[in-house]
Amino acid sequence: MQQDSTSFSGSIPEHYDSGLGPVIFADYADDIARRAAALKPKRVLETAAGTGIVSRRLRNHLPPATQLTSTDLSPAMLDVAKAKFTAAEQVTFQPADATALPFPDSSFDAVVCQFGVMFYPDKEKSYREVHRVLAPGGSYLFNVWDAHRYNAFGRIPHELLARFFPDNPPQFQSIPFSYGFDPIRDSLVAAGFTDIAAHVVRFEKEIGDGTGLARGIVFGSPVLDQIKVRGGVTPEQFFDALVTGYQRECGNPGRMSIQATVFSARRP
């Protein structure tokens, strides 16, 4: 995940991986890895790789000879990712800014990004960079979350943060859910991509008593620091309130829908 690398350090990567990974990331990781493998690329770049949830699936689905390079702005996130692989699995990990990729032109046959584009400070530049490092005929696969109304896991903490901090509500749980089809399409076209397609993918998830998911939301994201900076409420108090919120709306044991859009585009 690409934002400020200091926002994903300390204990945040482990909570991100264990709390959020199984509920909101794993199924989409399998989906996008299968889509990438179907293209039969020989050189694959992953941006905003985070803790390697997609990297692991890509390596599982791609042939062993396929070169896989996984990048993220946060070295701490990549440290968690590296632990999921053996030295023989041929995955190269490299800290990198997705808006200034440190690779030559036409270096890859496919670029994959899961739930990262929404956080890039210069999205248009990131699309141009992907277009640059793709070989002619190469494909870009990425996904973004749909709106809050389709994703209670993000809407509930966003609404709760607004109640706890009415004068200055943290916005991290709004950013991933507000990047829609039209601006994405327009940016891809402007960057030179063709054959743009979008597919809505929905999953139904069991969340148990909600504590694992809530722990990931509070302690596995920049929400943790946003609560600490504002003061008046401890992260632990907000965590307890979020668990109650999930249980109230989703049940205990709980069940919720998650929905995202998967984009594909090709460099001519």
C-alpha atoms as a PDB file:
ATOM      1  CA  MET A   1       0.000   0.000   0.000  1.00  0.00           C
ATOM      2  CA  GLN A   2       1.398   3.363  -1.044  1.00  0.00           C
ATOM      3  CA  GLN A   3       0.913   6.438   1.072  1.00  0.00           C
ATOM      4  CA  ASP A   4       3.570   7.825   3.404  1.00  0.00           C
ATOM      5  CA  SER A   5       6.024   5.052   4.278  1.00  0.00           C
ATOM      6  CA  THR A   6       6.148   6.270   7.890  1.00  0.00           C
ATOM      7  CA  SER A   7       2.392   5.618   8.154  1.00  0.00           C
ATOM      8  CA  PHE A   8       3.001   1.892   7.813  1.00  0.00           C
ATOM      9  CA  SER A   9       5.776   1.197  10.303  1.00  0.00           C
ATOM     10  CA  GLY A  10       6.149  -0.169  13.820  1.00  0.00           C
ATOM     11  CA  SER A  11       3.493  -2.781  14.602  1.00  0.00           C
ATOM     12  CA  ILE A  12       1.115  -1.558  11.880  1.00  0.00           C
ATOM     13  CA  PRO A  13       2.303  -3.978   9.132  1.00  0.00           C
ATOM     14  CA  GLU A  14       1.663  -7.058  11.286  1.00  0.00           C
ATOM     15  CA  HIS A  15      -1.816  -5.890  12.305  1.00  0.00           C
ATOM     16  CA  TYR A  16      -2.553  -4.940   8.698  1.00  0.00           C
ATOM     17  CA  ASP A  17      -1.540  -8.397   7.491  1.00  0.00           C
ATOM     18  CA  SER A  18      -3.260 -10.486  10.168  1.00  0.00           C
ATOM     19  CA  GLY A  19      -6.361  -8.360  10.777  1.00  0.00           C
ATOM     20  CA  LEU A  20      -7.250  -7.044   7.340  1.00  0.00           C
ATOM     21  CA  GLY A  21      -5.618  -9.633   5.090  1.00  0.00           C
ATOM     22  CA  PRO A  22      -7.948 -12.615   5.620  1.00  0.00           C
ATOM     23  CA  VAL A  23     -11.168 -10.584   5.519  1.00  0.00           C
ATOM     24  CA  ILE A  24     -10.785  -7.877   2.883  1.00  0.00           C
ATOM     25  CA  PHE A  25      -7.658  -8.640   0.852  1.00  0.00           C
ATOM     26  CA  ALA A  26      -7.183 -12.389   0.373  1.00  0.00           C
ATOM     27  CA  ASP A  27     -10.048 -13.112  -2.041  1.00  0.00           C
ATOM     28  CA  TYR A  28      -9.217 -10.143  -4.247  1.00  0.00           C
ATOM     29  CA  ALA A  29      -5.569 -11.188  -4.200  1.00  0.00           C
ATOM     30  CA  ASP A  30      -6.508 -14.613  -5.579  1.00  0.00           C
ATOM     31  CA  ASP A  31      -8.742 -12.981  -8.179  1.00  0.00           C
ATOM     32  CA  ILE A  32      -6.172 -10.526  -9.522  1.00  0.00           C
ATOM     33  CA  ALA A  33      -3.342 -13.088  -9.418  1.00  0.00           C
ATOM     34  CA  ARG A  34      -5.378 -15.469 -11.576  1.00  0.00           C
ATOM     35  CA  ARG A  35      -6.139 -12.668 -14.027  1.00  0.00           C
ATOM     36  CA  ALA A  36      -2.450 -11.840 -14.252  1.00  0.00           C
ATOM     37  CA  ALA A  37      -1.401 -15.462 -14.722  1.00  0.00           C
ATOM     38  CA  ALA A  38      -3.916 -15.861 -17.565  1.00  0.00           C
ATOM     39  CA  LEU A  39      -1.955 -13.248 -19.539  1.00  0.00           C
ATOM     40  CA  LYS A  40       1.113 -15.520 -19.455  1.00  0.00           C
ATOM     41  CA  PRO A  41       3.595 -12.708 -18.737  1.00  0.00           C
ATOM     42  CA  LYS A  42       7.289 -13.443 -18.365  1.00  0.00           C
ATOM     43  CA  ARG A  43       8.088 -10.312 -16.317  1.00  0.00           C
ATOM     44  CA  VAL A  44       5.657  -9.018 -13.692  1.00  0.00           C
ATOM     45  CA  LEU A  45       5.870  -5.904 -11.529  1.00  0.00           C
ATOM     46  CA  GLU A  46       3.689  -5.387  -8.466  1.00  0.00           C
ATOM     47  CA  THR A  47       3.324  -1.879  -7.054  1.00  0.00           C
ATOM     48  CA  ALA A  48       1.992  -1.021  -3.586  1.00  0.00           C
ATOM     49  CA  ALA A  49       2.663  -4.646  -2.641  1.00  0.00           C
ATOM     50  CA  GLY A  50       2.295  -4.004   1.088  1.00  0.00           C
ATOM     51  CA  THR A  51       2.785  -7.148   3.139  1.00  0.00           C
ATOM     52  CA  GLY A  52       2.895  -9.419   0.100  1.00  0.00           C
ATOM     53  CA  ILE A  53      -0.673 -10.701   0.142  1.00  0.00           C
ATOM     54  CA  VAL A  54      -0.922 -10.446  -3.650  1.00  0.00           C
ATOM     55  CA  SER A  55       2.766 -11.248  -4.128  1.00  0.00           C
ATOM     56  CA  ARG A  56       2.214 -14.633  -2.495  1.00  0.00           C
ATOM     57  CA  ARG A  57      -0.722 -15.409  -4.786  1.00  0.00           C
ATOM     58  CA  LEU A  58       1.128 -14.200  -7.859  1.00  0.00           C
ATOM     59  CA  ARG A  59       4.024 -16.508  -7.101  1.00  0.00           C
ATOM     60  CA  ASN A  60       1.581 -19.378  -6.553  1.00  0.00           C
ATOM     61  CA  HIS A  61      -0.176 -18.845  -9.893  1.00  0.00           C
ATOM     62  CA  LEU A  62       2.666 -17.737 -12.159  1.00  0.00           C
ATOM     63  CA  PRO A  63       5.099 -20.263 -13.667  1.00  0.00           C
ATOM     64  CA  PRO A  64       8.327 -20.586 -11.674  1.00  0.00           C
ATOM     65  CA  ALA A  65      10.332 -19.055 -14.534  1.00  0.00           C
ATOM     66  CA  THR A  66       8.273 -15.848 -14.508  1.00  0.00           C
ATOM     67  CA  GLN A  67      10.211 -12.949 -13.012  1.00  0.00           C
ATOM     68  CA  LEU A  68       8.281 -11.256 -10.188  1.00  0.00           C
ATOM     69  CA  THR A  69       9.308  -7.900  -8.736  1.00  0.00           C
ATOM     70  CA  SER A  70       7.308  -6.620  -5.752  1.00  0.00           C
ATOM     71  CA  THR A  71       7.613  -2.991  -4.675  1.00  0.00           C
ATOM     72  CA  ASP A  72       6.188  -0.730  -2.000  1.00  0.00           C
ATOM     73  CA  LEU A  73       7.038   2.667  -0.561  1.00  0.00           C
ATOM     74  CA  SER A  74       7.315   1.174   2.950  1.00  0.00           C
ATOM     75  CA  PRO A  75      10.344  -1.033   3.740  1.00  0.00           C
ATOM     76  CA  ALA A  76       8.567  -2.182   6.914  1.00  0.00           C
ATOM     77  CA  MET A  77       5.667  -3.572   4.901  1.00  0.00           C
ATOM     78  CA  LEU A  78       8.066  -5.329   2.536  1.00  0.00           C
ATOM     79  CA  ASP A  79       9.854  -6.935   5.484  1.00  0.00           C
ATOM     80  CA  VAL A  80       6.612  -8.735   6.356  1.00  0.00           C
ATOM     81  CA  ALA A  81       6.171  -9.698   2.704  1.00  0.00           C
ATOM     82  CA  LYS A  82       9.650 -11.190   2.415  1.00  0.00           C
ATOM     83  CA  ALA A  83       8.952 -13.593   5.295  1.00  0.00           C
ATOM     84  CA  LYS A  84       6.305 -15.324   3.158  1.00  0.00           C
ATOM     85  CA  PHE A  85       8.852 -16.596   0.638  1.00  0.00           C
ATOM     86  CA  THR A  86      11.882 -18.837   0.453  1.00  0.00           C
ATOM     87  CA  ALA A  87      15.066 -17.733  -1.275  1.00  0.00           C
ATOM     88  CA  ALA A  88      14.409 -20.223  -4.076  1.00  0.00           C
ATOM     89  CA  GLU A  89      11.092 -18.669  -5.094  1.00  0.00           C
ATOM     90  CA  GLN A  90      12.637 -15.920  -7.207  1.00  0.00           C
ATOM     91  CA  VAL A  91      10.811 -12.845  -5.938  1.00  0.00           C
ATOM     92  CA  THR A  92      12.670  -9.543  -5.957  1.00  0.00           C
ATOM     93  CA  PHE A  93      11.567  -7.039  -3.305  1.00  0.00           C
ATOM     94  CA  GLN A  94      12.429  -3.371  -3.746  1.00  0.00           C
ATOM     95  CA  PRO A  95      11.242  -0.181  -2.048  1.00  0.00           C
ATOM     96  CA  ALA A  96       9.872   2.062  -4.780  1.00  0.00           C
ATOM     97  CA  ASP A  97       7.591   5.016  -5.346  1.00  0.00           C
ATOM     98  CA  ALA A  98       4.854   4.046  -7.793  1.00  0.00           C
ATOM     99  CA  THR A  99       4.862   7.580  -9.193  1.00  0.00           C
ATOM    100  CA  ALA A 100       8.599   7.411  -9.979  1.00  0.00           C
ATOM    101  CA  LEU A 101       9.412   3.784 -10.756  1.00  0.00           C
ATOM    102  CA  PRO A 102      13.137   2.956 -10.775  1.00  0.00           C
ATOM    103  CA  PHE A 103      12.953   0.718 -13.848  1.00  0.00           C
ATOM    104  CA  PRO A 104      13.855   1.220 -17.523  1.00  0.00           C
ATOM    105  CA  ASP A 105      11.235   1.635 -20.224  1.00  0.00           C
ATOM    106  CA  SER A 106       9.485  -1.556 -21.407  1.00  0.00           C
ATOM    107  CA  SER A 107      10.796  -3.646 -18.491  1.00  0.00           C
ATOM    108  CA  PHE A 108       7.633  -5.674 -17.766  1.00  0.00           C
ATOM    109  CA  ASP A 109       4.874  -7.587 -19.532  1.00  0.00           C
ATOM    110  CA  ALA A 110       2.346  -6.961 -16.760  1.00  0.00           C
ATOM    111  CA  VAL A 111       1.955  -4.598 -13.825  1.00  0.00           C
ATOM    112  CA  VAL A 112      -0.357  -5.479 -10.925  1.00  0.00           C
ATOM    113  CA  CYS A 113      -1.592  -3.244  -8.119  1.00  0.00           C
ATOM    114  CA  GLN A 114      -4.121  -4.144  -5.436  1.00  0.00           C
ATOM    115  CA  PHE A 115      -5.932  -1.303  -3.606  1.00  0.00           C
ATOM    116  CA  GLY A 116      -3.040   1.094  -3.943  1.00  0.00           C
ATOM    117  CA  VAL A 117      -3.900   3.550  -6.715  1.00  0.00           C
ATOM    118  CA  MET A 118      -6.450   5.375  -4.538  1.00  0.00           C
ATOM    119  CA  PHE A 119      -3.661   6.521  -2.205  1.00  0.00           C
ATOM    120  CA  TYR A 120      -1.189   7.815  -4.786  1.00  0.00           C
ATOM    121  CA  PRO A 121      -0.708  11.571  -4.417  1.00  0.00           C
ATOM    122  CA  ASP A 122      -0.308  11.931  -8.204  1.00  0.00           C
ATOM    123  CA  LYS A 123      -2.483   9.281  -9.816  1.00  0.00           C
ATOM    124  CA  GLU A 124      -1.980  10.580 -13.352  1.00  0.00           C
ATOM    125  CA  LYS A 125       1.784  10.318 -12.971  1.00  0.00           C
ATOM    126  CA  SER A 126       1.445   6.768 -11.642  1.00  0.00           C
ATOM    127  CA  TYR A 127      -0.472   5.739 -14.774  1.00  0.00           C
ATOM    128  CA  ARG A 128       2.171   7.292 -16.995  1.00  0.00           C
ATOM    129  CA  GLU A 129       4.882   5.453 -15.088  1.00  0.00           C
ATOM    130  CA  VAL A 130       3.116   2.097 -15.505  1.00  0.00           C
ATOM    131  CA  HIS A 131       2.653   2.815 -19.217  1.00  0.00           C
ATOM    132  CA  ARG A 132       6.375   3.621 -19.491  1.00  0.00           C
ATOM    133  CA  VAL A 133       7.665   0.464 -17.816  1.00  0.00           C
ATOM    134  CA  LEU A 134       5.264  -1.832 -19.689  1.00  0.00           C
ATOM    135  CA  ALA A 135       6.440  -3.391 -22.916  1.00  0.00           C
ATOM    136  CA  PRO A 136       4.215  -2.796 -25.962  1.00  0.00           C
ATOM    137  CA  GLY A 137       1.218  -5.097 -25.624  1.00  0.00           C
ATOM    138  CA  GLY A 138       1.689  -5.301 -21.859  1.00  0.00           C
ATOM    139  CA  SER A 139      -1.215  -5.122 -19.404  1.00  0.00           C
ATOM    140  CA  TYR A 140      -1.992  -3.188 -16.256  1.00  0.00           C
ATOM    141  CA  LEU A 141      -4.298  -4.893 -13.724  1.00  0.00           C
ATOM    142  CA  PHE A 142      -5.462  -3.084 -10.606  1.00  0.00           C
ATOM    143  CA  ASN A 143      -8.470  -2.869  -8.321  1.00  0.00           C
ATOM    144  CA  VAL A 144     -10.158  -0.172  -6.261  1.00  0.00           C
ATOM    145  CA  TRP A 145     -12.837  -0.318  -3.595  1.00  0.00           C
ATOM    146  CA  ASP A 146     -16.376   0.618  -4.498  1.00  0.00           C
ATOM    147  CA  ALA A 147     -18.299   3.191  -2.461  1.00  0.00           C
ATOM    148  CA  HIS A 148     -19.032   3.003   1.260  1.00  0.00           C
ATOM    149  CA  ARG A 149     -22.575   1.795   0.602  1.00  0.00           C
ATOM    150  CA  TYR A 150     -21.084  -1.460  -0.711  1.00  0.00           C
ATOM    151  CA  ASN A 151     -18.393  -1.807   1.957  1.00  0.00           C
ATOM    152  CA  ALA A 152     -19.572  -1.651   5.556  1.00  0.00           C
ATOM    153  CA  PHE A 153     -16.103  -2.573   6.788  1.00  0.00           C
ATOM    154  CA  GLY A 154     -14.953   0.944   5.815  1.00  0.00           C
ATOM    155  CA  ARG A 155     -18.190   2.877   6.259  1.00  0.00           C
ATOM    156  CA  ILE A 156     -18.735   1.892   9.891  1.00  0.00           C
ATOM    157  CA  PRO A 157     -15.336   3.098  11.171  1.00  0.00           C
ATOM    158  CA  HIS A 158     -15.605   6.238   9.011  1.00  0.00           C
ATOM    159  CA  GLU A 159     -18.954   7.135  10.584  1.00  0.00           C
ATOM    160  CA  LEU A 160     -17.660   6.275  14.041  1.00  0.00           C
ATOM    161  CA  LEU A 161     -14.590   8.477  13.608  1.00  0.00           C
ATOM    162  CA  ALA A 162     -16.875  11.375  12.651  1.00  0.00           C
ATOM    163  CA  ARG A 163     -18.836  10.892  15.891  1.00  0.00           C
ATOM    164  CA  PHE A 164     -15.719  10.681  18.060  1.00  0.00           C
ATOM    165  CA  PHE A 165     -13.997  13.639  16.357  1.00  0.00           C
ATOM    166  CA  PRO A 166     -16.771  15.884  14.987  1.00  0.00           C
ATOM    167  CA  ASP A 167     -14.523  18.948  14.675  1.00  0.00           C
ATOM    168  CA  ASN A 168     -11.699  17.196  12.821  1.00  0.00           C
ATOM    169  CA  PRO A 169     -12.681  13.685  11.707  1.00  0.00           C
ATOM    170  CA  PRO A 170      -9.877  11.476  10.336  1.00  0.00           C
ATOM    171  CA  GLN A 171     -10.391  10.842   6.625  1.00  0.00           C
ATOM    172  CA  PHE A 172      -8.345   7.698   6.022  1.00  0.00           C
ATOM    173  CA  GLN A 173     -11.460   5.516   5.852  1.00  0.00           C
ATOM    174  CA  SER A 174     -12.974   7.737   3.150  1.00  0.00           C
ATOM    175  CA  ILE A 175     -10.039   7.918   0.722  1.00  0.00           C
ATOM    176  CA  PRO A 176     -10.130   4.295  -0.529  1.00  0.00           C
ATOM    177  CA  PHE A 177     -13.855   4.427  -1.323  1.00  0.00           C
ATOM    178  CA  SER A 178     -14.122   7.627  -3.350  1.00  0.00           C
ATOM    179  CA  TYR A 179     -12.206   6.951  -6.571  1.00  0.00           C
ATOM    180  CA  GLY A 180     -14.751   6.051  -9.233  1.00  0.00           C
ATOM    181  CA  PHE A 181     -14.848   4.752 -12.782  1.00  0.00           C
ATOM    182  CA  ASP A 182     -14.943   8.020 -14.751  1.00  0.00           C
ATOM    183  CA  PRO A 183     -11.731   9.614 -13.420  1.00  0.00           C
ATOM    184  CA  ILE A 184      -9.929   6.280 -13.642  1.00  0.00           C
ATOM    185  CA  ARG A 185     -10.951   5.752 -17.268  1.00  0.00           C
ATOM    186  CA  ASP A 186     -10.056   9.313 -18.193  1.00  0.00           C
ATOM    187  CA  SER A 187      -6.618   9.037 -16.580  1.00  0.00           C
ATOM    188  CA  LEU A 188      -5.880   5.719 -18.282  1.00  0.00           C
ATOM    189  CA  VAL A 189      -6.825   7.139 -21.665  1.00  0.00           C
ATOM    190  CA  ALA A 190      -4.699  10.240 -21.061  1.00  0.00           C
ATOM    191  CA  ALA A 191      -1.726   8.033 -20.151  1.00  0.00           C
ATOM    192  CA  GLY A 192      -2.018   6.188 -23.477  1.00  0.00           C
ATOM    193  CA  PHE A 193      -3.762   2.966 -22.472  1.00  0.00           C
ATOM    194  CA  THR A 194      -6.302   1.152 -24.636  1.00  0.00           C
ATOM    195  CA  ASP A 195      -8.655  -1.835 -24.205  1.00  0.00           C
ATOM    196  CA  ILE A 196      -9.820  -0.537 -20.834  1.00  0.00           C
ATOM    197  CA  ALA A 197     -12.228  -2.844 -19.021  1.00  0.00           C
ATOM    198  CA  ALA A 198     -13.802  -2.833 -15.554  1.00  0.00           C
ATOM    199  CA  HIS A 199     -15.344  -5.762 -13.675  1.00  0.00           C
ATOM    200  CA  VAL A 200     -17.269  -5.515 -10.393  1.00  0.00           C
ATOM    201  CA  VAL A 201     -16.269  -8.292  -7.988  1.00  0.00           C
ATOM    202  CA  ARG A 202     -18.234  -8.963  -4.805  1.00  0.00           C
ATOM    203  CA  PHE A 203     -17.574 -11.370  -1.933  1.00  0.00           C
ATOM    204  CA  GLU A 204     -19.515 -12.368   1.164  1.00  0.00           C
ATOM    205  CA  LYS A 205     -17.254 -12.617   4.200  1.00  0.00           C
ATOM    206  CA  GLU A 206     -17.599 -14.141   7.659  1.00  0.00           C
ATOM    207  CA  ILE A 207     -16.081 -11.830  10.297  1.00  0.00           C
ATOM    208  CA  GLY A 208     -16.774 -13.739  13.498  1.00  0.00           C
ATOM    209  CA  ASP A 209     -17.195 -11.350  16.418  1.00  0.00           C
ATOM    210  CA  GLY A 210     -15.542  -8.545  14.435  1.00  0.00           C
ATOM    211  CA  THR A 211     -12.514  -8.194  16.700  1.00  0.00           C
ATOM    212  CA  GLY A 212      -9.947  -9.280  14.113  1.00  0.00           C
ATOM    213  CA  LEU A 213     -11.237  -6.900  11.476  1.00  0.00           C
ATOM    214  CA  ALA A 214     -11.566  -4.033  13.974  1.00  0.00           C
ATOM    215  CA  ARG A 215      -8.022  -4.617  15.206  1.00  0.00           C
ATOM    216  CA  GLY A 216      -6.760  -4.412  11.635  1.00  0.00           C
ATOM    217  CA  ILE A 217      -8.691  -1.195  10.965  1.00  0.00           C
ATOM    218  CA  VAL A 218      -7.493   0.537  14.145  1.00  0.00           C
ATOM    219  CA  PHE A 219      -4.000  -0.859  14.689  1.00  0.00           C
ATOM    220  CA  GLY A 220      -3.106  -1.834  11.113  1.00  0.00           C
ATOM    221  CA  SER A 221      -3.585   1.493   9.337  1.00  0.00           C
ATOM    222  CA  PRO A 222      -2.818   5.222   9.721  1.00  0.00           C
ATOM    223  CA  VAL A 223      -6.097   5.490  11.672  1.00  0.00           C
ATOM    224  CA  LEU A 224      -3.981   4.601  14.710  1.00  0.00           C
ATOM    225  CA  ASP A 225      -1.840   7.727  14.460  1.00  0.00           C
ATOM    226  CA  GLN A 226      -4.796   9.907  13.476  1.00  0.00           C
ATOM    227  CA  ILE A 227      -6.575   8.958  16.716  1.00  0.00           C
ATOM    228  CA  LYS A 228      -3.441   9.496  18.816  1.00  0.00           C
ATOM    229  CA  VAL A 229      -2.773  12.929  17.335  1.00  0.00           C
ATOM    230  CA  ARG A 230      -6.307  14.167  18.030  1.00  0.00           C
ATOM    231  CA  GLY A 231      -6.393  12.853  21.596  1.00  0.00           C
ATOM    232  CA  GLY A 232      -9.348  12.585  23.955  1.00  0.00           C
ATOM    233  CA  VAL A 233      -9.996   8.981  22.905  1.00  0.00           C
ATOM    234  CA  THR A 234      -7.508   6.126  23.077  1.00  0.00           C
ATOM    235  CA  PRO A 235      -7.114   3.694  20.181  1.00  0.00           C
ATOM    236  CA  GLU A 236      -8.284   0.955  22.545  1.00  0.00           C
ATOM    237  CA  GLN A 237     -11.515   2.823  23.299  1.00  0.00           C
ATOM    238  CA  PHE A 238     -12.154   3.357  19.608  1.00  0.00           C
ATOM    239  CA  PHE A 239     -11.398  -0.325  18.942  1.00  0.00           C
ATOM    240  CA  ASP A 240     -14.023  -1.394  21.515  1.00  0.00           C
ATOM    241  CA  ALA A 241     -16.581   0.943  19.967  1.00  0.00           C
ATOM    242  CA  LEU A 242     -15.800  -0.363  16.480  1.00  0.00           C
ATOM    243  CA  VAL A 243     -16.255  -3.983  17.562  1.00  0.00           C
ATOM    244  CA  THR A 244     -19.659  -3.021  18.975  1.00  0.00           C
ATOM    245  CA  GLY A 245     -20.491  -1.235  15.719  1.00  0.00           C
ATOM    246  CA  TYR A 246     -19.626  -4.253  13.592  1.00  0.00           C
ATOM    247  CA  GLN A 247     -21.611  -6.565  15.832  1.00  0.00           C
ATOM    248  CA  ARG A 248     -24.628  -4.254  15.849  1.00  0.00           C
ATOM    249  CA  GLU A 249     -24.837  -4.047  12.062  1.00  0.00           C
ATOM    250  CA  CYS A 250     -23.364  -7.365  10.922  1.00  0.00           C
ATOM    251  CA  GLY A 251     -24.277  -9.718  13.796  1.00  0.00           C
ATOM    252  CA  ASN A 252     -22.205 -11.876  16.080  1.00  0.00           C
ATOM    253  CA  PRO A 253     -20.954 -14.010  14.464  1.00  0.00           C
ATOM    254  CA  GLY A 254     -21.046 -11.457  11.663  1.00  0.00           C
ATOM    255  CA  ARG A 255     -21.276 -11.522   7.917  1.00  0.00           C
ATOM    256  CA  MET A 256     -20.713  -8.669   5.457  1.00  0.00           C
ATOM    257  CA  SER A 257     -20.400  -7.988   1.753  1.00  0.00           C
ATOM    258  CA  ILE A 258     -17.293  -6.412   0.234  1.00  0.00           C
ATOM    259  CA  GLN A 259     -17.180  -5.032  -3.296  1.00  0.00           C
ATOM    260  CA  ALA A 260     -14.453  -3.710  -5.578  1.00  0.00           C
ATOM    261  CA  THR A 261     -13.866  -2.976  -9.251  1.00  0.00           C
ATOM    262  CA  VAL A 262     -11.029  -4.650 -11.128  1.00  0.00           C
ATOM    263  CA  PHE A 263      -9.576  -2.673 -14.042  1.00  0.00           C
ATOM    264  CA  SER A 264      -7.489  -3.911 -16.917  1.00  0.00           C
ATOM    265  CA  ALA A 265      -5.797  -1.805 -19.572  1.00  0.00           C
ATOM    266  CA  ARG A 266      -3.209  -2.442 -22.287  1.00  0.00           C
ATOM    267  CA  ARG A 267      -0.267  -0.494 -23.591  1.00  0.00           C
ATOM    268  CA  PRO A 268      -0.545  -0.525 -27.414  1.00  0.00           C
END
